[in-house]
Amino acid sequence: MELITFLLGVSLVTIYMLYRDKQLYLRAWKDTEQRVQFLERALWDDCMDEEATAEDLGFDEE
């Protein structure tokens, strides 16, 4: 009986840890995706700015 209780407890803790890790991973993925979208919008705004030069956009003027 004690063995069953112990194994059940270990199983529940393992499931909780996997669930928590998945939630942290999904949150990190969402944050990364938002940063990429922000950078894309910033680059697009720079491209649409008539005064932006190739150097401002990260290209070498050659």
PDB file of N, CA and C in Angstrom:
ATOM      1  N   MET A   1       0.827  -1.195   0.000  1.00  0.00           N
ATOM      2  CA  MET A   1       0.000   0.000   0.000  1.00  0.00           C
ATOM      3  C   MET A   1       0.877   1.267   0.000  1.00  0.00           C
ATOM      4  N   GLU A   2       1.930   1.237   0.816  1.00  0.00           N
ATOM      5  CA  GLU A   2       2.825   2.397   0.861  1.00  0.00           C
ATOM      6  C   GLU A   2       3.533   2.583  -0.474  1.00  0.00           C
ATOM      7  N   LEU A   3       3.870   1.479  -1.114  1.00  0.00           N
ATOM      8  CA  LEU A   3       4.532   1.560  -2.418  1.00  0.00           C
ATOM      9  C   LEU A   3       3.615   2.203  -3.459  1.00  0.00           C
ATOM     10  N   ILE A   4       2.356   1.811  -3.448  1.00  0.00           N
ATOM     11  CA  ILE A   4       1.386   2.377  -4.398  1.00  0.00           C
ATOM     12  C   ILE A   4       1.224   3.878  -4.152  1.00  0.00           C
ATOM     13  N   THR A   5       1.136   4.270  -2.890  1.00  0.00           N
ATOM     14  CA  THR A   5       1.007   5.688  -2.538  1.00  0.00           C
ATOM     15  C   THR A   5       2.244   6.457  -2.987  1.00  0.00           C
ATOM     16  N   PHE A   6       3.413   5.888  -2.763  1.00  0.00           N
ATOM     17  CA  PHE A   6       4.660   6.521  -3.175  1.00  0.00           C
ATOM     18  C   PHE A   6       4.711   6.685  -4.688  1.00  0.00           C
ATOM     19  N   LEU A   7       4.394   5.639  -5.424  1.00  0.00           N
ATOM     20  CA  LEU A   7       4.427   5.701  -6.888  1.00  0.00           C
ATOM     21  C   LEU A   7       3.396   6.685  -7.425  1.00  0.00           C
ATOM     22  N   LEU A   8       2.239   6.741  -6.809  1.00  0.00           N
ATOM     23  CA  LEU A   8       1.217   7.694  -7.217  1.00  0.00           C
ATOM     24  C   LEU A   8       1.711   9.122  -6.983  1.00  0.00           C
ATOM     25  N   GLY A   9       2.341   9.368  -5.858  1.00  0.00           N
ATOM     26  CA  GLY A   9       2.889  10.691  -5.557  1.00  0.00           C
ATOM     27  C   GLY A   9       3.972  11.080  -6.542  1.00  0.00           C
ATOM     28  N   VAL A  10       4.870  10.160  -6.843  1.00  0.00           N
ATOM     29  CA  VAL A  10       5.940  10.431  -7.814  1.00  0.00           C
ATOM     30  C   VAL A  10       5.335  10.717  -9.186  1.00  0.00           C
ATOM     31  N   SER A  11       4.327   9.977  -9.565  1.00  0.00           N
ATOM     32  CA  SER A  11       3.682  10.189 -10.866  1.00  0.00           C
ATOM     33  C   SER A  11       3.036  11.571 -10.931  1.00  0.00           C
ATOM     34  N   LEU A  12       2.343  11.962  -9.886  1.00  0.00           N
ATOM     35  CA  LEU A  12       1.691  13.267  -9.874  1.00  0.00           C
ATOM     36  C   LEU A  12       2.714  14.405  -9.932  1.00  0.00           C
ATOM     37  N   VAL A  13       3.801  14.265  -9.195  1.00  0.00           N
ATOM     38  CA  VAL A  13       4.848  15.284  -9.217  1.00  0.00           C
ATOM     39  C   VAL A  13       5.473  15.362 -10.605  1.00  0.00           C
ATOM     40  N   THR A  14       5.717  14.233 -11.224  1.00  0.00           N
ATOM     41  CA  THR A  14       6.304  14.211 -12.566  1.00  0.00           C
ATOM     42  C   THR A  14       5.377  14.873 -13.580  1.00  0.00           C
ATOM     43  N   ILE A  15       4.099  14.547 -13.509  1.00  0.00           N
ATOM     44  CA  ILE A  15       3.128  15.151 -14.429  1.00  0.00           C
ATOM     45  C   ILE A  15       3.078  16.658 -14.228  1.00  0.00           C
ATOM     46  N   TYR A  16       3.069  17.112 -12.981  1.00  0.00           N
ATOM     47  CA  TYR A  16       3.045  18.542 -12.701  1.00  0.00           C
ATOM     48  C   TYR A  16       4.291  19.230 -13.253  1.00  0.00           C
ATOM     49  N   MET A  17       5.447  18.622 -13.067  1.00  0.00           N
ATOM     50  CA  MET A  17       6.692  19.223 -13.549  1.00  0.00           C
ATOM     51  C   MET A  17       6.703  19.321 -15.075  1.00  0.00           C
ATOM     52  N   LEU A  18       6.230  18.291 -15.753  1.00  0.00           N
ATOM     53  CA  LEU A  18       6.168  18.326 -17.212  1.00  0.00           C
ATOM     54  C   LEU A  18       5.192  19.396 -17.694  1.00  0.00           C
ATOM     55  N   TYR A  19       4.058  19.522 -17.012  1.00  0.00           N
ATOM     56  CA  TYR A  19       3.075  20.535 -17.369  1.00  0.00           C
ATOM     57  C   TYR A  19       3.654  21.934 -17.186  1.00  0.00           C
ATOM     58  N   ARG A  20       4.337  22.152 -16.058  1.00  0.00           N
ATOM     59  CA  ARG A  20       4.935  23.458 -15.776  1.00  0.00           C
ATOM     60  C   ARG A  20       6.007  23.800 -16.807  1.00  0.00           C
ATOM     61  N   ASP A  21       6.846  22.838 -17.155  1.00  0.00           N
ATOM     62  CA  ASP A  21       7.879  23.067 -18.159  1.00  0.00           C
ATOM     63  C   ASP A  21       7.270  23.419 -19.515  1.00  0.00           C
ATOM     64  N   LYS A  22       6.175  22.740 -19.853  1.00  0.00           N
ATOM     65  CA  LYS A  22       5.501  23.025 -21.117  1.00  0.00           C
ATOM     66  C   LYS A  22       4.961  24.452 -21.107  1.00  0.00           C
ATOM     67  N   GLN A  23       4.360  24.874 -20.001  1.00  0.00           N
ATOM     68  CA  GLN A  23       3.829  26.230 -19.907  1.00  0.00           C
ATOM     69  C   GLN A  23       4.948  27.269 -20.022  1.00  0.00           C
ATOM     70  N   LEU A  24       6.086  27.014 -19.370  1.00  0.00           N
ATOM     71  CA  LEU A  24       7.220  27.940 -19.463  1.00  0.00           C
ATOM     72  C   LEU A  24       7.754  28.005 -20.888  1.00  0.00           C
ATOM     73  N   TYR A  25       7.815  26.853 -21.551  1.00  0.00           N
ATOM     74  CA  TYR A  25       8.289  26.810 -22.934  1.00  0.00           C
ATOM     75  C   TYR A  25       7.348  27.608 -23.840  1.00  0.00           C
ATOM     76  N   LEU A  26       6.037  27.412 -23.657  1.00  0.00           N
ATOM     77  CA  LEU A  26       5.084  28.125 -24.495  1.00  0.00           C
ATOM     78  C   LEU A  26       5.146  29.631 -24.242  1.00  0.00           C
ATOM     79  N   ARG A  27       5.348  30.025 -22.999  1.00  0.00           N
ATOM     80  CA  ARG A  27       5.463  31.450 -22.684  1.00  0.00           C
ATOM     81  C   ARG A  27       6.715  32.046 -23.332  1.00  0.00           C
ATOM     82  N   ALA A  28       7.820  31.316 -23.258  1.00  0.00           N
ATOM     83  CA  ALA A  28       9.062  31.796 -23.877  1.00  0.00           C
ATOM     84  C   ALA A  28       8.901  31.885 -25.395  1.00  0.00           C
ATOM     85  N   TRP A  29       8.213  30.911 -25.985  1.00  0.00           N
ATOM     86  CA  TRP A  29       7.986  30.924 -27.426  1.00  0.00           C
ATOM     87  C   TRP A  29       7.157  32.141 -27.815  1.00  0.00           C
ATOM     88  N   LYS A  30       6.124  32.431 -27.034  1.00  0.00           N
ATOM     89  CA  LYS A  30       5.261  33.575 -27.321  1.00  0.00           C
ATOM     90  C   LYS A  30       6.050  34.878 -27.209  1.00  0.00           C
ATOM     91  N   ASP A  31       6.876  35.014 -26.175  1.00  0.00           N
ATOM     92  CA  ASP A  31       7.693  36.214 -26.006  1.00  0.00           C
ATOM     93  C   ASP A  31       8.649  36.394 -27.188  1.00  0.00           C
ATOM     94  N   THR A  32       9.266  35.302 -27.624  1.00  0.00           N
ATOM     95  CA  THR A  32      10.194  35.365 -28.758  1.00  0.00           C
ATOM     96  C   THR A  32       9.453  35.775 -30.023  1.00  0.00           C
ATOM     97  N   GLU A  33       8.285  35.218 -30.224  1.00  0.00           N
ATOM     98  CA  GLU A  33       7.494  35.550 -31.406  1.00  0.00           C
ATOM     99  C   GLU A  33       7.100  37.028 -31.396  1.00  0.00           C
ATOM    100  N   GLN A  34       6.752  37.557 -30.227  1.00  0.00           N
ATOM    101  CA  GLN A  34       6.401  38.977 -30.132  1.00  0.00           C
ATOM    102  C   GLN A  34       7.610  39.859 -30.412  1.00  0.00           C
ATOM    103  N   ARG A  35       8.794  39.469 -29.958  1.00  0.00           N
ATOM    104  CA  ARG A  35      10.000  40.247 -30.233  1.00  0.00           C
ATOM    105  C   ARG A  35      10.300  40.276 -31.726  1.00  0.00           C
ATOM    106  N   VAL A  36      10.141  39.123 -32.382  1.00  0.00           N
ATOM    107  CA  VAL A  36      10.391  39.056 -33.827  1.00  0.00           C
ATOM    108  C   VAL A  36       9.410  39.963 -34.567  1.00  0.00           C
ATOM    109  N   GLN A  37       8.142  39.937 -34.175  1.00  0.00           N
ATOM    110  CA  GLN A  37       7.157  40.797 -34.828  1.00  0.00           C
ATOM    111  C   GLN A  37       7.489  42.272 -34.610  1.00  0.00           C
ATOM    112  N   PHE A  38       7.933  42.627 -33.408  1.00  0.00           N
ATOM    113  CA  PHE A  38       8.320  44.007 -33.130  1.00  0.00           C
ATOM    114  C   PHE A  38       9.478  44.433 -34.026  1.00  0.00           C
ATOM    115  N   LEU A  39      10.498  43.554 -34.159  1.00  0.00           N
ATOM    116  CA  LEU A  39      11.647  43.882 -34.998  1.00  0.00           C
ATOM    117  C   LEU A  39      11.256  43.995 -36.468  1.00  0.00           C
ATOM    118  N   GLU A  40      10.350  43.131 -36.917  1.00  0.00           N
ATOM    119  CA  GLU A  40       9.890  43.209 -38.298  1.00  0.00           C
ATOM    120  C   GLU A  40       9.168  44.529 -38.557  1.00  0.00           C
ATOM    121  N   ARG A  41       8.321  44.940 -37.606  1.00  0.00           N
ATOM    122  CA  ARG A  41       7.613  46.216 -37.766  1.00  0.00           C
ATOM    123  C   ARG A  41       8.599  47.383 -37.752  1.00  0.00           C
ATOM    124  N   ALA A  42       9.585  47.326 -36.869  1.00  0.00           N
ATOM    125  CA  ALA A  42      10.577  48.404 -36.802  1.00  0.00           C
ATOM    126  C   ALA A  42      11.363  48.492 -38.105  1.00  0.00           C
ATOM    127  N   LEU A  43      11.753  47.352 -38.658  1.00  0.00           N
ATOM    128  CA  LEU A  43      12.481  47.348 -39.926  1.00  0.00           C
ATOM    129  C   LEU A  43      11.604  47.871 -41.057  1.00  0.00           C
ATOM    130  N   TRP A  44      10.328  47.465 -41.062  1.00  0.00           N
ATOM    131  CA  TRP A  44       9.409  47.936 -42.091  1.00  0.00           C
ATOM    132  C   TRP A  44       9.233  49.444 -41.995  1.00  0.00           C
ATOM    133  N   ASP A  45       9.099  49.964 -40.765  1.00  0.00           N
ATOM    134  CA  ASP A  45       8.976  51.411 -40.583  1.00  0.00           C
ATOM    135  C   ASP A  45      10.213  52.128 -41.096  1.00  0.00           C
ATOM    136  N   ASP A  46      11.388  51.574 -40.843  1.00  0.00           N
ATOM    137  CA  ASP A  46      12.626  52.166 -41.353  1.00  0.00           C
ATOM    138  C   ASP A  46      12.653  52.141 -42.878  1.00  0.00           C
ATOM    139  N   CYS A  47      12.163  51.060 -43.468  1.00  0.00           N
ATOM    140  CA  CYS A  47      12.146  50.956 -44.930  1.00  0.00           C
ATOM    141  C   CYS A  47      11.183  51.968 -45.536  1.00  0.00           C
ATOM    142  N   MET A  48      10.095  52.233 -44.864  1.00  0.00           N
ATOM    143  CA  MET A  48       9.099  53.167 -45.378  1.00  0.00           C
ATOM    144  C   MET A  48       9.512  54.618 -45.160  1.00  0.00           C
ATOM    145  N   ASP A  49      10.460  54.846 -44.259  1.00  0.00           N
ATOM    146  CA  ASP A  49      10.945  56.197 -44.004  1.00  0.00           C
ATOM    147  C   ASP A  49      11.800  56.632 -45.183  1.00  0.00           C
ATOM    148  N   GLU A  50      11.422  57.730 -45.819  1.00  0.00           N
ATOM    149  CA  GLU A  50      12.142  58.163 -47.018  1.00  0.00           C
ATOM    150  C   GLU A  50      13.571  58.582 -46.722  1.00  0.00           C
ATOM    151  N   GLU A  51      13.845  58.985 -45.484  1.00  0.00           N
ATOM    152  CA  GLU A  51      15.182  59.441 -45.141  1.00  0.00           C
ATOM    153  C   GLU A  51      16.098  58.305 -44.700  1.00  0.00           C
ATOM    154  N   ALA A  52      15.579  57.112 -44.587  1.00  0.00           N
ATOM    155  CA  ALA A  52      16.397  55.980 -44.157  1.00  0.00           C
ATOM    156  C   ALA A  52      17.403  55.633 -45.242  1.00  0.00           C
ATOM    157  N   THR A  53      18.612  55.414 -44.824  1.00  0.00           N
ATOM    158  CA  THR A  53      19.660  55.035 -45.767  1.00  0.00           C
ATOM    159  C   THR A  53      19.901  53.534 -45.663  1.00  0.00           C
ATOM    160  N   ALA A  54      20.663  53.013 -46.599  1.00  0.00           N
ATOM    161  CA  ALA A  54      20.987  51.591 -46.562  1.00  0.00           C
ATOM    162  C   ALA A  54      21.761  51.248 -45.289  1.00  0.00           C
ATOM    163  N   GLU A  55      22.586  52.182 -44.837  1.00  0.00           N
ATOM    164  CA  GLU A  55      23.362  51.944 -43.617  1.00  0.00           C
ATOM    165  C   GLU A  55      22.441  51.843 -42.399  1.00  0.00           C
ATOM    166  N   ASP A  56      21.376  52.666 -42.371  1.00  0.00           N
ATOM    167  CA  ASP A  56      20.403  52.600 -41.271  1.00  0.00           C
ATOM    168  C   ASP A  56      19.734  51.233 -41.226  1.00  0.00           C
ATOM    169  N   LEU A  57      19.555  50.644 -42.386  1.00  0.00           N
ATOM    170  CA  LEU A  57      18.874  49.352 -42.472  1.00  0.00           C
ATOM    171  C   LEU A  57      19.815  48.176 -42.289  1.00  0.00           C
ATOM    172  N   GLY A  58      21.096  48.440 -42.113  1.00  0.00           N
ATOM    173  CA  GLY A  58      22.052  47.376 -41.865  1.00  0.00           C
ATOM    174  C   GLY A  58      22.764  46.872 -43.100  1.00  0.00           C
ATOM    175  N   PHE A  59      22.636  47.597 -44.219  1.00  0.00           N
ATOM    176  CA  PHE A  59      23.311  47.195 -45.442  1.00  0.00           C
ATOM    177  C   PHE A  59      24.504  48.112 -45.677  1.00  0.00           C
ATOM    178  N   ASP A  60      25.522  47.576 -46.291  1.00  0.00           N
ATOM    179  CA  ASP A  60      26.682  48.387 -46.645  1.00  0.00           C
ATOM    180  C   ASP A  60      26.394  49.118 -47.940  1.00  0.00           C
ATOM    181  N   GLU A  61      26.751  50.384 -47.963  1.00  0.00           N
ATOM    182  CA  GLU A  61      26.577  51.158 -49.201  1.00  0.00           C
ATOM    183  C   GLU A  61      27.808  50.976 -50.069  1.00  0.00           C
ATOM    184  N   GLU A  62      27.706  50.118 -51.046  1.00  0.00           N
ATOM    185  CA  GLU A  62      28.825  49.874 -51.959  1.00  0.00           C
ATOM    186  C   GLU A  62      28.351  49.930 -53.381  1.00  0.00           C
TER     187      GLU A  62
END
